[in-house]
Amino acid sequence: MKGNVVAIYAAPTAEAPMQALAEAHLEAGRGIVGDRYYAGAGTFSSVAKPDHEVTLIESEEIDSFNRRTGLSLTYDRPRRNVVTRGVQLNELVGVRFQVGQAILEGMRLCEPCAHLARLLSPEVLPGLVKRGGLRARVIDGGTIKPSDTIGPPPPRS
């Protein structure tokens, strides 16, 4: 497993536009400082779970979706926090991995939902099933930034 971070996004509240970040600080058990789920202000915050801490999506899947549908979703539109390249996120369910200084654990696939379809297009429901990314929790916090490597965590001492 070896990939990299293409972009990082956060939104301060539910449905607010995602804002690109030059870097983000991840806090164990909370997520991205400044993001809606960190603040408990996300659409699904009332059912807060560890898998709401950080979401990731492959840039390749967004690009493929755009080619298949003729739409032109920019990387912020699927409302995932971290856009990746070169790593197959579906394989990281149940796996710990490092992003920049942070250690994450893949919890489950981040499937598209009716809420996202309402915000974007009904085509995201069939078009991103099993391609919508990964929900992860923060095991060890740290700073991440675009171009950071995504890979296995360092060995435990």
C-alpha atoms as a PDB file:
ATOM      1  CA  MET A   1       0.000   0.000   0.000  1.00  0.00           C
ATOM      2  CA  LYS A   2       1.477   3.309  -1.042  1.00  0.00           C
ATOM      3  CA  GLY A   3      -0.413   6.398  -2.148  1.00  0.00           C
ATOM      4  CA  ASN A   4      -0.574  10.067  -1.434  1.00  0.00           C
ATOM      5  CA  VAL A   5      -2.887  12.864  -0.371  1.00  0.00           C
ATOM      6  CA  VAL A   6      -4.149  14.995  -3.260  1.00  0.00           C
ATOM      7  CA  ALA A   7      -6.324  17.410  -1.272  1.00  0.00           C
ATOM      8  CA  ILE A   8      -7.859  17.938   2.174  1.00  0.00           C
ATOM      9  CA  TYR A   9     -11.279  19.467   2.814  1.00  0.00           C
ATOM     10  CA  ALA A  10     -13.408  20.421   5.807  1.00  0.00           C
ATOM     11  CA  ALA A  11     -16.677  22.230   6.321  1.00  0.00           C
ATOM     12  CA  PRO A  12     -17.562  24.093   9.518  1.00  0.00           C
ATOM     13  CA  THR A  13     -21.241  23.052   9.500  1.00  0.00           C
ATOM     14  CA  ALA A  14     -23.629  20.664   7.764  1.00  0.00           C
ATOM     15  CA  GLU A  15     -24.114  21.485   4.072  1.00  0.00           C
ATOM     16  CA  ALA A  16     -21.587  24.361   4.203  1.00  0.00           C
ATOM     17  CA  PRO A  17     -19.231  24.309   1.215  1.00  0.00           C
ATOM     18  CA  MET A  18     -16.127  22.212   1.715  1.00  0.00           C
ATOM     19  CA  GLN A  19     -13.016  24.350   2.113  1.00  0.00           C
ATOM     20  CA  ALA A  20      -9.606  23.255   0.860  1.00  0.00           C
ATOM     21  CA  LEU A  21      -6.968  23.110   3.593  1.00  0.00           C
ATOM     22  CA  ALA A  22      -3.219  23.586   3.176  1.00  0.00           C
ATOM     23  CA  GLU A  23      -2.870  21.261   6.159  1.00  0.00           C
ATOM     24  CA  ALA A  24      -5.132  19.718   8.763  1.00  0.00           C
ATOM     25  CA  HIS A  25      -4.631  18.626  12.331  1.00  0.00           C
ATOM     26  CA  LEU A  26      -6.260  15.308  13.208  1.00  0.00           C
ATOM     27  CA  GLU A  27      -7.122  14.548  16.809  1.00  0.00           C
ATOM     28  CA  ALA A  28      -7.586  10.992  18.079  1.00  0.00           C
ATOM     29  CA  GLY A  29     -11.223  10.240  18.801  1.00  0.00           C
ATOM     30  CA  ARG A  30     -12.441  13.517  17.248  1.00  0.00           C
ATOM     31  CA  GLY A  31     -11.287  13.887  13.645  1.00  0.00           C
ATOM     32  CA  ILE A  32     -10.179  16.985  11.741  1.00  0.00           C
ATOM     33  CA  VAL A  33      -9.978  20.115  13.876  1.00  0.00           C
ATOM     34  CA  GLY A  34     -12.403  22.631  12.379  1.00  0.00           C
ATOM     35  CA  ASP A  35     -14.545  20.093  10.514  1.00  0.00           C
ATOM     36  CA  ARG A  36     -18.295  19.800  11.086  1.00  0.00           C
ATOM     37  CA  TYR A  37     -18.037  16.337  12.655  1.00  0.00           C
ATOM     38  CA  TYR A  38     -15.246  17.411  14.987  1.00  0.00           C
ATOM     39  CA  ALA A  39     -17.578  20.190  16.158  1.00  0.00           C
ATOM     40  CA  GLY A  40     -20.646  17.919  16.316  1.00  0.00           C
ATOM     41  CA  ALA A  41     -22.310  20.035  13.598  1.00  0.00           C
ATOM     42  CA  GLY A  42     -22.494  17.515  10.729  1.00  0.00           C
ATOM     43  CA  THR A  43     -25.681  16.241   9.135  1.00  0.00           C
ATOM     44  CA  PHE A  44     -25.265  12.895  10.900  1.00  0.00           C
ATOM     45  CA  SER A  45     -23.679  14.149  14.147  1.00  0.00           C
ATOM     46  CA  SER A  46     -26.682  13.021  16.180  1.00  0.00           C
ATOM     47  CA  VAL A  47     -25.595   9.458  15.455  1.00  0.00           C
ATOM     48  CA  ALA A  48     -21.906  10.212  15.999  1.00  0.00           C
ATOM     49  CA  LYS A  49     -19.721   7.191  15.529  1.00  0.00           C
ATOM     50  CA  PRO A  50     -15.961   6.802  15.347  1.00  0.00           C
ATOM     51  CA  ASP A  51     -16.314   6.320  11.592  1.00  0.00           C
ATOM     52  CA  HIS A  52     -17.460   9.947  11.220  1.00  0.00           C
ATOM     53  CA  GLU A  53     -14.022  11.239  12.202  1.00  0.00           C
ATOM     54  CA  VAL A  54     -12.369  11.259   8.742  1.00  0.00           C
ATOM     55  CA  THR A  55     -13.584  10.280   5.289  1.00  0.00           C
ATOM     56  CA  LEU A  56     -11.355   9.530   2.313  1.00  0.00           C
ATOM     57  CA  ILE A  57     -12.060   9.098  -1.403  1.00  0.00           C
ATOM     58  CA  GLU A  58      -9.874   8.126  -4.356  1.00  0.00           C
ATOM     59  CA  SER A  59      -9.317  10.860  -6.948  1.00  0.00           C
ATOM     60  CA  GLU A  60      -9.352   8.092  -9.550  1.00  0.00           C
ATOM     61  CA  GLU A  61     -12.957   7.205  -8.604  1.00  0.00           C
ATOM     62  CA  ILE A  62     -14.131  10.814  -8.901  1.00  0.00           C
ATOM     63  CA  ASP A  63     -12.409  11.089 -12.294  1.00  0.00           C
ATOM     64  CA  SER A  64     -13.966   7.798 -13.444  1.00  0.00           C
ATOM     65  CA  PHE A  65     -17.425   8.886 -12.242  1.00  0.00           C
ATOM     66  CA  ASN A  66     -17.098  12.093 -14.249  1.00  0.00           C
ATOM     67  CA  ARG A  67     -16.108  10.167 -17.400  1.00  0.00           C
ATOM     68  CA  ARG A  68     -18.983   7.676 -17.013  1.00  0.00           C
ATOM     69  CA  THR A  69     -21.690  10.263 -16.282  1.00  0.00           C
ATOM     70  CA  GLY A  70     -20.537  13.319 -18.195  1.00  0.00           C
ATOM     71  CA  LEU A  71     -20.709  15.319 -14.952  1.00  0.00           C
ATOM     72  CA  SER A  72     -17.766  17.346 -13.709  1.00  0.00           C
ATOM     73  CA  LEU A  73     -17.612  16.933  -9.950  1.00  0.00           C
ATOM     74  CA  THR A  74     -14.625  18.708  -8.460  1.00  0.00           C
ATOM     75  CA  TYR A  75     -12.770  16.871  -5.698  1.00  0.00           C
ATOM     76  CA  ASP A  76     -14.564  18.795  -2.931  1.00  0.00           C
ATOM     77  CA  ARG A  77     -18.092  17.963  -4.114  1.00  0.00           C
ATOM     78  CA  PRO A  78     -18.400  14.380  -2.754  1.00  0.00           C
ATOM     79  CA  ARG A  79     -17.897  15.950   0.720  1.00  0.00           C
ATOM     80  CA  ARG A  80     -15.067  13.645   1.760  1.00  0.00           C
ATOM     81  CA  ASN A  81     -12.211  15.050   3.853  1.00  0.00           C
ATOM     82  CA  VAL A  82      -9.175  13.522   2.178  1.00  0.00           C
ATOM     83  CA  VAL A  83      -8.773  12.926  -1.546  1.00  0.00           C
ATOM     84  CA  THR A  84      -6.161  10.283  -2.341  1.00  0.00           C
ATOM     85  CA  ARG A  85      -4.260   8.930  -5.323  1.00  0.00           C
ATOM     86  CA  GLY A  86      -2.580   5.576  -5.791  1.00  0.00           C
ATOM     87  CA  VAL A  87      -4.192   3.650  -2.941  1.00  0.00           C
ATOM     88  CA  GLN A  88      -7.235   1.366  -3.047  1.00  0.00           C
ATOM     89  CA  LEU A  89      -9.261   2.507  -0.076  1.00  0.00           C
ATOM     90  CA  ASN A  90     -11.711  -0.424  -0.113  1.00  0.00           C
ATOM     91  CA  GLU A  91      -8.809  -2.654   0.915  1.00  0.00           C
ATOM     92  CA  LEU A  92      -8.231  -0.584   4.066  1.00  0.00           C
ATOM     93  CA  VAL A  93     -11.406  -1.599   5.932  1.00  0.00           C
ATOM     94  CA  GLY A  94     -10.149  -2.998   9.248  1.00  0.00           C
ATOM     95  CA  VAL A  95      -6.586  -1.852   8.525  1.00  0.00           C
ATOM     96  CA  ARG A  96      -4.429   0.733  10.288  1.00  0.00           C
ATOM     97  CA  PHE A  97      -2.487   3.058   8.007  1.00  0.00           C
ATOM     98  CA  GLN A  98      -0.469   6.239   8.203  1.00  0.00           C
ATOM     99  CA  VAL A  99      -1.353   9.540   6.529  1.00  0.00           C
ATOM    100  CA  GLY A 100       1.284  12.198   7.130  1.00  0.00           C
ATOM    101  CA  GLN A 101       1.878  12.212  10.902  1.00  0.00           C
ATOM    102  CA  ALA A 102      -1.486  10.594  11.753  1.00  0.00           C
ATOM    103  CA  ILE A 103      -2.441   6.937  12.142  1.00  0.00           C
ATOM    104  CA  LEU A 104      -5.944   6.044  10.954  1.00  0.00           C
ATOM    105  CA  GLU A 105      -7.990   2.854  10.972  1.00  0.00           C
ATOM    106  CA  GLY A 106     -10.398   2.089   8.144  1.00  0.00           C
ATOM    107  CA  MET A 107     -13.827   1.393   9.633  1.00  0.00           C
ATOM    108  CA  ARG A 108     -16.191   0.833   6.690  1.00  0.00           C
ATOM    109  CA  LEU A 109     -16.925   1.933   3.163  1.00  0.00           C
ATOM    110  CA  CYS A 110     -18.345   5.442   2.830  1.00  0.00           C
ATOM    111  CA  GLU A 111     -21.277   4.679   0.559  1.00  0.00           C
ATOM    112  CA  PRO A 112     -23.196   7.495  -1.131  1.00  0.00           C
ATOM    113  CA  CYS A 113     -26.496   8.371   0.531  1.00  0.00           C
ATOM    114  CA  ALA A 114     -29.747  10.129  -0.373  1.00  0.00           C
ATOM    115  CA  HIS A 115     -28.456  13.279   1.326  1.00  0.00           C
ATOM    116  CA  LEU A 116     -25.415  13.409  -0.983  1.00  0.00           C
ATOM    117  CA  ALA A 117     -27.613  12.655  -4.008  1.00  0.00           C
ATOM    118  CA  ARG A 118     -29.863  15.579  -3.047  1.00  0.00           C
ATOM    119  CA  LEU A 119     -26.863  17.903  -2.791  1.00  0.00           C
ATOM    120  CA  LEU A 120     -25.167  16.735  -6.012  1.00  0.00           C
ATOM    121  CA  SER A 121     -27.086  14.535  -8.421  1.00  0.00           C
ATOM    122  CA  PRO A 122     -29.175  11.350  -8.222  1.00  0.00           C
ATOM    123  CA  GLU A 123     -26.441   9.704 -10.311  1.00  0.00           C
ATOM    124  CA  VAL A 124     -24.097   9.547  -7.298  1.00  0.00           C
ATOM    125  CA  LEU A 125     -26.159   6.763  -5.717  1.00  0.00           C
ATOM    126  CA  PRO A 126     -25.540   4.125  -8.401  1.00  0.00           C
ATOM    127  CA  GLY A 127     -22.358   5.757  -9.673  1.00  0.00           C
ATOM    128  CA  LEU A 128     -20.379   5.689  -6.426  1.00  0.00           C
ATOM    129  CA  VAL A 129     -21.614   2.483  -4.792  1.00  0.00           C
ATOM    130  CA  LYS A 130     -18.494   0.609  -3.589  1.00  0.00           C
ATOM    131  CA  ARG A 131     -16.510   3.605  -4.928  1.00  0.00           C
ATOM    132  CA  GLY A 132     -17.563   6.334  -2.487  1.00  0.00           C
ATOM    133  CA  GLY A 133     -14.563   6.114  -0.219  1.00  0.00           C
ATOM    134  CA  LEU A 134     -13.670   5.038   3.279  1.00  0.00           C
ATOM    135  CA  ARG A 135     -14.739   6.067   6.762  1.00  0.00           C
ATOM    136  CA  ALA A 136     -11.871   6.054   9.229  1.00  0.00           C
ATOM    137  CA  ARG A 137     -11.137   6.841  12.832  1.00  0.00           C
ATOM    138  CA  VAL A 138      -8.070   8.625  14.133  1.00  0.00           C
ATOM    139  CA  ILE A 139      -5.886   6.353  16.260  1.00  0.00           C
ATOM    140  CA  ASP A 140      -2.940   8.750  16.693  1.00  0.00           C
ATOM    141  CA  GLY A 141      -3.394  12.401  15.815  1.00  0.00           C
ATOM    142  CA  GLY A 142      -1.050  14.568  13.827  1.00  0.00           C
ATOM    143  CA  THR A 143      -0.795  16.976  10.948  1.00  0.00           C
ATOM    144  CA  ILE A 144      -1.517  15.978   7.348  1.00  0.00           C
ATOM    145  CA  LYS A 145      -1.094  17.964   4.136  1.00  0.00           C
ATOM    146  CA  PRO A 146      -1.442  17.468   0.389  1.00  0.00           C
ATOM    147  CA  SER A 147       1.415  15.384  -1.041  1.00  0.00           C
ATOM    148  CA  ASP A 148       1.790  13.407   2.209  1.00  0.00           C
ATOM    149  CA  THR A 149       2.327   9.685   1.788  1.00  0.00           C
ATOM    150  CA  ILE A 150      -0.323   7.124   2.686  1.00  0.00           C
ATOM    151  CA  GLY A 151       1.150   3.814   3.755  1.00  0.00           C
ATOM    152  CA  PRO A 152       1.536   1.272   6.516  1.00  0.00           C
ATOM    153  CA  PRO A 153       2.056   2.604  10.027  1.00  0.00           C
ATOM    154  CA  PRO A 154       5.526   2.407  11.538  1.00  0.00           C
ATOM    155  CA  PRO A 155       6.310  -0.753  13.525  1.00  0.00           C
ATOM    156  CA  ARG A 156       5.298  -0.606  17.173  1.00  0.00           C
ATOM    157  CA  SER A 157       8.146  -0.539  19.633  1.00  0.00           C
END
